[in-house]
Amino acid sequence: MGRFWPVLGLVGLVACGGGREGAPKGPQAVRVKVTAVKPEVLEVRATAVGTVEPEHRVLVAAQEEGVVTELLVREGDRVTKGQLLARLDDRELLAQLEEAEARLSEASGQWQRAQSLVKEGLITAAEADAARASFQVAQARVSALRTRLSFTRITAPVDGVVTARHVEIGSLVASRSPVVELAAGRMVLRVPVSELDVVKLKVGDRASVVVDALAATPLSARIERIFPAADPASRQVTVELVLEEVPAGLRPGFLARAELLLERIPNALLLPETVVMRGSEFPSFVYVVEGDVARVRPVQVGLRQGGKALVSSGLAPGERVVVEGASLLRDGQPVIVEGEL
């Protein structure tokens, strides 16, 4: 039986050696990259879309009925205050004015004679008063016809640019009918802004405007006025911006986007949005490297803008947050920091 003992001893050694090789090992370190949290200045902005338009739209209407005999402007023409835009047929009014002036001349002579005769007692005071009234009526008739005659000359009430013609030569226009439309004043952009954002704006605030049709070149602008009431359906308030520079080619009706500065946060802690993770235990969390291990750190995230998340609580300046390799981590996982972004 003694000859079998070495074999049994060998089996026992193998068994003991196999047990040591199968012993459990600790978690392996994960290679990660981190970023050190540091305060930054965050400008909170909102973008609103609107249409470029003139500050004033002036509808020039006829004040007298008549046929258009001259139309001196076209769309796009720049006009000055008092410039002749159109003329109506005035022949009938001229004839009426000549008749009225003749009657005025006759009434004037009768009134002058009546003044002499009443002094001599040859006519009564009532007859003199009647002559004076006839003279005054004739004067008023001439004045009225001259005013109506001036209405046949349709002129620009303000400086501006012709944006539309509503008549052509030969058209019969009625009184108060539109003839020409003018764009007057500065170029403005009116945009709708949410009620939550408009309370952070004030008149005089600067803004940047981009017009897509003009190679997206930013234009400087400022808030001229904020309308007093919100739209009851959309809860948005109209904000009017004045363009401080008007490039060549900018036309009313162009689509534009305004970037409005709502708030400036001086010491904001920002992280890439992809770094902030979500879980069942914590709504938002990140991995913070403490020594050689990664720790789960619950955080509260406020604003998200431009791919960045504003951390309102949970982190302190200088802490190192994992930005690459976080998907392979769990709380307490050993890490090897390969670099800092």
Protein backbone atom coordinates (compact mmCIF):
# COMPACT_ATOMS: atom_id res chain seq x y z
CA MET A 1 0.00 0.00 0.00
CA GLY A 2 2.99 2.36 0.61
CA ARG A 3 3.75 2.61 -3.10
CA PHE A 4 0.56 4.58 -3.70
CA TRP A 5 1.32 7.43 -1.28
CA PRO A 6 3.37 9.63 -3.69
CA VAL A 7 0.55 9.63 -6.21
CA LEU A 8 -1.98 10.68 -3.60
CA GLY A 9 0.37 13.42 -2.42
CA LEU A 10 0.68 14.74 -5.95
CA VAL A 11 -3.07 14.82 -6.35
CA GLY A 12 -3.33 16.76 -3.11
CA LEU A 13 -0.75 19.32 -4.31
CA VAL A 14 -2.57 19.83 -7.60
CA ALA A 15 -5.82 20.33 -5.80
CA CYS A 16 -4.27 22.89 -3.47
CA GLY A 17 -2.58 24.73 -6.35
CA GLY A 18 -5.79 24.84 -8.40
CA GLY A 19 -7.58 26.48 -5.48
CA ARG A 20 -5.10 29.36 -5.34
CA GLU A 21 -5.43 30.14 -9.09
CA GLY A 22 -9.26 30.33 -8.87
CA ALA A 23 -9.30 32.90 -6.01
CA PRO A 24 -11.54 36.01 -6.75
CA LYS A 25 -9.79 39.14 -8.05
CA GLY A 26 -10.60 42.86 -7.32
CA PRO A 27 -12.34 45.16 -9.87
CA GLN A 28 -10.12 46.25 -12.72
CA ALA A 29 -9.33 49.96 -13.15
CA VAL A 30 -11.08 51.80 -16.01
CA ARG A 31 -9.20 54.35 -18.09
CA VAL A 32 -11.03 57.69 -18.11
CA LYS A 33 -10.59 61.32 -19.00
CA VAL A 34 -11.71 64.10 -16.68
CA THR A 35 -12.34 67.82 -16.61
CA ALA A 36 -11.81 70.11 -13.66
CA VAL A 37 -14.92 72.12 -12.80
CA LYS A 38 -14.25 75.85 -12.87
CA PRO A 39 -16.54 78.90 -12.73
CA GLU A 40 -17.36 80.58 -16.04
CA VAL A 41 -19.44 83.53 -17.21
CA LEU A 42 -22.66 82.22 -18.75
CA GLU A 43 -24.79 84.41 -21.00
CA VAL A 44 -28.32 83.07 -21.15
CA ARG A 45 -29.80 83.85 -24.56
CA ALA A 46 -33.06 83.30 -26.37
CA THR A 47 -33.65 83.27 -30.12
CA ALA A 48 -36.82 84.74 -31.63
CA VAL A 49 -37.85 84.79 -35.28
CA GLY A 50 -39.65 87.65 -37.00
CA THR A 51 -39.98 89.67 -40.19
CA VAL A 52 -38.07 92.84 -41.02
CA GLU A 53 -40.50 95.69 -41.64
CA PRO A 54 -40.52 99.48 -41.74
CA GLU A 55 -41.25 101.35 -38.56
CA HIS A 56 -44.29 102.99 -40.22
CA ARG A 57 -46.49 101.93 -43.13
CA VAL A 58 -48.17 104.97 -44.68
CA LEU A 59 -51.15 104.42 -46.94
CA VAL A 60 -51.50 107.50 -49.14
CA ALA A 61 -55.15 107.86 -50.16
CA ALA A 62 -57.00 110.14 -52.57
CA GLN A 63 -58.98 112.94 -50.96
CA GLU A 64 -60.94 113.71 -54.12
CA GLU A 65 -62.66 111.51 -56.66
CA GLY A 66 -61.18 111.51 -60.14
CA VAL A 67 -59.34 109.73 -62.93
CA VAL A 68 -55.59 109.22 -62.51
CA THR A 69 -53.84 111.21 -65.27
CA GLU A 70 -50.26 110.95 -63.94
CA LEU A 71 -48.50 108.36 -61.78
CA LEU A 72 -44.94 109.48 -61.14
CA VAL A 73 -43.49 106.76 -58.90
CA ARG A 74 -42.92 103.03 -58.96
CA GLU A 75 -42.23 100.40 -56.30
CA GLY A 76 -38.80 100.91 -54.78
CA ASP A 77 -38.59 104.64 -55.49
CA ARG A 78 -37.43 106.79 -52.60
CA VAL A 79 -39.55 109.91 -52.12
CA THR A 80 -39.35 113.01 -49.94
CA LYS A 81 -42.08 114.80 -48.03
CA GLY A 82 -44.19 116.94 -50.38
CA GLN A 83 -43.03 115.17 -53.56
CA LEU A 84 -45.74 114.75 -56.21
CA LEU A 85 -46.78 111.09 -56.49
CA ALA A 86 -49.86 111.23 -58.74
CA ARG A 87 -52.28 113.67 -60.33
CA LEU A 88 -56.02 113.40 -60.91
CA ASP A 89 -58.08 114.94 -63.73
CA ASP A 90 -58.80 118.50 -62.55
CA ARG A 91 -60.61 120.00 -65.55
CA GLU A 92 -64.07 120.03 -63.97
CA LEU A 93 -62.82 121.59 -60.77
CA LEU A 94 -60.91 124.25 -62.71
CA ALA A 95 -64.11 125.20 -64.53
CA GLN A 96 -66.03 125.37 -61.25
CA LEU A 97 -63.28 127.52 -59.75
CA GLU A 98 -63.40 129.98 -62.64
CA GLU A 99 -67.15 130.29 -62.20
CA ALA A 100 -66.81 130.78 -58.46
CA GLU A 101 -64.12 133.43 -58.90
CA ALA A 102 -66.38 135.35 -61.30
CA ARG A 103 -69.22 135.25 -58.78
CA LEU A 104 -66.81 136.40 -56.10
CA SER A 105 -65.78 139.36 -58.21
CA GLU A 106 -69.42 140.29 -58.72
CA ALA A 107 -70.23 139.90 -55.03
CA SER A 108 -67.21 141.98 -54.09
CA GLY A 109 -68.38 144.87 -56.28
CA GLN A 110 -71.90 144.71 -54.84
CA TRP A 111 -70.58 144.75 -51.31
CA GLN A 112 -68.37 147.77 -52.00
CA ARG A 113 -71.29 149.69 -53.54
CA ALA A 114 -73.53 148.68 -50.67
CA GLN A 115 -71.10 150.17 -48.18
CA SER A 116 -71.24 153.54 -49.95
CA LEU A 117 -75.01 153.50 -50.42
CA VAL A 118 -75.76 152.64 -46.81
CA LYS A 119 -73.68 155.60 -45.67
CA GLU A 120 -75.72 157.90 -47.94
CA GLY A 121 -78.93 156.37 -46.67
CA LEU A 122 -79.94 155.10 -50.09
CA ILE A 123 -80.29 151.46 -48.92
CA THR A 124 -81.20 149.92 -45.64
CA ALA A 125 -78.76 148.22 -43.28
CA ALA A 126 -80.45 144.87 -44.00
CA GLU A 127 -79.75 145.24 -47.71
CA ALA A 128 -76.10 146.03 -46.94
CA ASP A 129 -75.88 142.96 -44.69
CA ALA A 130 -77.25 140.78 -47.48
CA ALA A 131 -74.62 142.12 -49.89
CA ARG A 132 -71.90 141.38 -47.34
CA ALA A 133 -73.20 137.84 -46.79
CA SER A 134 -73.24 137.17 -50.51
CA PHE A 135 -69.64 138.33 -50.72
CA GLN A 136 -68.57 136.05 -47.85
CA VAL A 137 -70.37 133.05 -49.35
CA ALA A 138 -68.60 133.63 -52.65
CA GLN A 139 -65.26 133.81 -50.83
CA ALA A 140 -65.93 130.51 -49.05
CA ARG A 141 -66.96 128.86 -52.32
CA VAL A 142 -63.67 129.88 -53.98
CA SER A 143 -61.64 128.69 -50.97
CA ALA A 144 -63.39 125.30 -50.96
CA LEU A 145 -62.81 124.75 -54.68
CA ARG A 146 -59.16 125.71 -54.38
CA THR A 147 -58.78 123.15 -51.57
CA ARG A 148 -60.50 120.45 -53.65
CA LEU A 149 -58.29 121.36 -56.59
CA SER A 150 -55.18 120.88 -54.43
CA PHE A 151 -56.42 117.38 -53.61
CA THR A 152 -55.97 116.39 -57.26
CA ARG A 153 -52.23 116.61 -56.60
CA ILE A 154 -51.39 113.60 -54.42
CA THR A 155 -48.10 114.18 -52.58
CA ALA A 156 -45.97 112.21 -50.13
CA PRO A 157 -46.82 113.10 -46.52
CA VAL A 158 -43.44 111.80 -45.25
CA ASP A 159 -40.04 110.71 -46.49
CA GLY A 160 -40.03 107.04 -47.41
CA VAL A 161 -39.85 104.29 -50.01
CA VAL A 162 -42.72 103.26 -52.28
CA THR A 163 -43.66 99.66 -51.45
CA ALA A 164 -46.88 99.35 -53.47
CA ARG A 165 -49.00 101.12 -56.10
CA HIS A 166 -52.73 100.51 -55.86
CA VAL A 167 -53.76 102.35 -59.06
CA GLU A 168 -52.59 102.83 -62.62
CA ILE A 169 -52.99 105.68 -65.11
CA GLY A 170 -56.62 105.82 -66.19
CA SER A 171 -57.98 104.33 -62.98
CA LEU A 172 -61.00 105.99 -61.44
CA VAL A 173 -60.37 106.48 -57.74
CA ALA A 174 -62.90 107.39 -55.12
CA SER A 175 -62.32 109.64 -52.16
CA ARG A 176 -60.30 107.88 -49.42
CA SER A 177 -59.21 105.11 -51.85
CA PRO A 178 -55.54 104.00 -51.46
CA VAL A 179 -53.18 105.18 -54.19
CA VAL A 180 -49.63 104.47 -52.97
CA GLU A 181 -48.14 102.74 -49.93
CA LEU A 182 -44.93 104.05 -48.36
CA ALA A 183 -42.45 102.51 -45.95
CA ALA A 184 -41.26 105.25 -43.62
CA GLY A 185 -38.92 105.52 -40.65
CA ARG A 186 -36.29 103.06 -39.51
CA MET A 187 -36.11 99.34 -40.26
CA VAL A 188 -37.38 97.32 -37.33
CA LEU A 189 -37.78 93.68 -36.39
CA ARG A 190 -40.80 92.67 -34.33
CA VAL A 191 -40.47 89.26 -32.68
CA PRO A 192 -42.66 87.28 -30.27
CA VAL A 193 -41.02 86.49 -26.93
CA SER A 194 -42.27 84.09 -24.25
CA GLU A 195 -43.81 85.64 -21.15
CA LEU A 196 -41.16 83.81 -19.10
CA ASP A 197 -38.33 85.51 -21.01
CA VAL A 198 -39.76 88.98 -21.70
CA VAL A 199 -39.64 89.90 -18.00
CA LYS A 200 -35.83 89.69 -18.23
CA LEU A 201 -35.66 92.25 -21.06
CA LYS A 202 -35.81 96.04 -20.98
CA VAL A 203 -35.83 98.89 -23.47
CA GLY A 204 -32.32 99.72 -24.63
CA ASP A 205 -30.94 96.16 -24.31
CA ARG A 206 -28.55 95.17 -27.08
CA ALA A 207 -29.29 92.29 -29.44
CA SER A 208 -27.84 90.56 -32.47
CA VAL A 209 -29.93 90.04 -35.61
CA VAL A 210 -29.18 87.59 -38.40
CA VAL A 211 -30.94 87.90 -41.77
CA ASP A 212 -30.78 84.58 -43.61
CA ALA A 213 -30.98 86.22 -47.03
CA LEU A 214 -27.85 88.32 -46.36
CA ALA A 215 -25.28 85.55 -45.84
CA ALA A 216 -26.22 85.33 -42.17
CA THR A 217 -24.13 88.41 -41.28
CA PRO A 218 -24.91 89.52 -37.68
CA LEU A 219 -26.40 93.02 -37.42
CA SER A 220 -26.40 95.10 -34.26
CA ALA A 221 -29.79 96.10 -32.88
CA ARG A 222 -31.39 97.35 -29.68
CA ILE A 223 -34.80 96.99 -28.09
CA GLU A 224 -36.91 100.06 -28.92
CA ARG A 225 -40.10 99.04 -27.16
CA ILE A 226 -41.83 96.12 -25.49
CA PHE A 227 -45.54 95.85 -26.18
CA PRO A 228 -47.71 96.24 -23.06
CA ALA A 229 -49.81 93.07 -23.38
CA ALA A 230 -49.26 89.40 -24.15
CA ASP A 231 -51.21 87.50 -26.76
CA PRO A 232 -53.92 85.63 -24.83
CA ALA A 233 -53.55 82.49 -26.95
CA SER A 234 -49.76 82.12 -27.22
CA ARG A 235 -48.73 83.99 -24.04
CA GLN A 236 -46.10 85.81 -26.06
CA VAL A 237 -45.24 89.50 -26.03
CA THR A 238 -44.09 91.41 -29.11
CA VAL A 239 -40.67 93.03 -28.77
CA GLU A 240 -39.59 95.65 -31.31
CA LEU A 241 -35.91 95.97 -32.19
CA VAL A 242 -34.39 98.78 -34.23
CA LEU A 243 -31.64 97.80 -36.65
CA GLU A 244 -28.75 100.19 -36.08
CA GLU A 245 -27.17 99.32 -39.41
CA VAL A 246 -29.12 98.66 -42.60
CA PRO A 247 -26.99 96.80 -45.16
CA ALA A 248 -27.55 97.13 -48.87
CA GLY A 249 -30.11 94.65 -50.08
CA LEU A 250 -32.14 94.49 -46.88
CA ARG A 251 -35.83 94.69 -47.77
CA PRO A 252 -39.06 94.71 -45.81
CA GLY A 253 -40.44 91.20 -45.48
CA PHE A 254 -37.09 89.42 -45.06
CA LEU A 255 -37.02 86.71 -42.38
CA ALA A 256 -34.63 87.41 -39.50
CA ARG A 257 -33.60 85.87 -36.18
CA ALA A 258 -32.88 87.94 -33.08
CA GLU A 259 -30.60 86.68 -30.33
CA LEU A 260 -31.64 88.30 -27.05
CA LEU A 261 -29.49 88.39 -23.92
CA LEU A 262 -31.74 87.39 -21.00
CA GLU A 263 -29.27 87.01 -18.15
CA ARG A 264 -25.55 86.99 -17.35
CA ILE A 265 -24.42 84.50 -14.66
CA PRO A 266 -20.88 85.35 -13.51
CA ASN A 267 -19.86 82.13 -11.68
CA ALA A 268 -21.61 79.33 -13.51
CA LEU A 269 -20.44 75.71 -13.26
CA LEU A 270 -20.86 74.22 -16.71
CA LEU A 271 -20.47 70.67 -17.95
CA PRO A 272 -21.05 69.04 -21.34
CA GLU A 273 -24.63 67.76 -21.45
CA THR A 274 -23.44 64.25 -22.27
CA VAL A 275 -21.56 64.04 -18.97
CA VAL A 276 -24.73 64.37 -16.88
CA MET A 277 -26.32 60.94 -16.58
CA ARG A 278 -29.76 59.83 -15.46
CA GLY A 279 -30.66 56.91 -13.22
CA SER A 280 -33.43 55.40 -11.14
CA GLU A 281 -31.82 56.35 -7.84
CA PHE A 282 -30.75 59.86 -8.83
CA PRO A 283 -32.50 61.94 -11.52
CA SER A 284 -29.16 63.48 -12.52
CA PHE A 285 -25.65 62.46 -11.50
CA VAL A 286 -22.02 62.55 -12.61
CA TYR A 287 -18.90 60.55 -11.73
CA VAL A 288 -16.33 62.47 -9.69
CA VAL A 289 -12.78 61.14 -9.32
CA GLU A 290 -11.72 61.03 -5.68
CA GLY A 291 -8.18 59.69 -5.36
CA ASP A 292 -8.06 56.65 -7.63
CA VAL A 293 -11.76 55.78 -7.62
CA ALA A 294 -14.92 57.15 -9.26
CA ARG A 295 -17.79 58.20 -7.03
CA VAL A 296 -21.39 58.83 -7.99
CA ARG A 297 -22.31 62.44 -7.29
CA PRO A 298 -25.97 63.53 -7.49
CA VAL A 299 -26.32 67.00 -9.05
CA GLN A 300 -29.09 69.44 -9.84
CA VAL A 301 -29.09 70.77 -13.39
CA GLY A 302 -30.74 74.05 -14.28
CA LEU A 303 -30.40 75.60 -17.70
CA ARG A 304 -29.21 73.66 -20.73
CA GLN A 305 -27.83 75.76 -23.56
CA GLY A 306 -25.50 75.17 -26.49
CA GLY A 307 -24.66 71.62 -25.47
CA LYS A 308 -23.77 72.72 -21.92
CA ALA A 309 -25.58 72.00 -18.66
CA LEU A 310 -25.57 74.46 -15.78
CA VAL A 311 -24.97 72.62 -12.49
CA SER A 312 -26.79 74.54 -9.79
CA SER A 313 -25.77 72.26 -6.88
CA GLY A 314 -23.79 69.10 -6.13
CA LEU A 315 -20.34 70.18 -7.38
CA ALA A 316 -17.63 72.52 -6.16
CA PRO A 317 -15.00 74.33 -8.23
CA GLY A 318 -11.87 72.23 -8.76
CA GLU A 319 -13.54 68.82 -8.57
CA ARG A 320 -12.68 66.42 -11.37
CA VAL A 321 -15.63 65.05 -13.34
CA VAL A 322 -15.36 62.08 -15.70
CA VAL A 323 -16.09 63.13 -19.29
CA GLU A 324 -14.93 59.98 -21.15
CA GLY A 325 -15.43 56.40 -20.00
CA ALA A 326 -18.32 57.10 -17.63
CA SER A 327 -20.50 54.41 -19.21
CA LEU A 328 -18.10 51.72 -17.87
CA LEU A 329 -18.14 52.95 -14.29
CA ARG A 330 -19.99 52.17 -11.11
CA ASP A 331 -19.72 53.75 -7.68
CA GLY A 332 -16.31 52.99 -6.16
CA GLN A 333 -14.79 51.79 -9.45
CA PRO A 334 -10.98 52.19 -9.60
CA VAL A 335 -9.91 54.47 -12.42
CA ILE A 336 -6.78 55.49 -14.24
CA VAL A 337 -6.90 59.12 -15.36
CA GLU A 338 -5.37 59.28 -18.84
CA GLY A 339 -5.88 62.95 -19.45
CA GLU A 340 -7.72 66.12 -18.51
CA LEU A 341 -9.85 68.09 -20.96
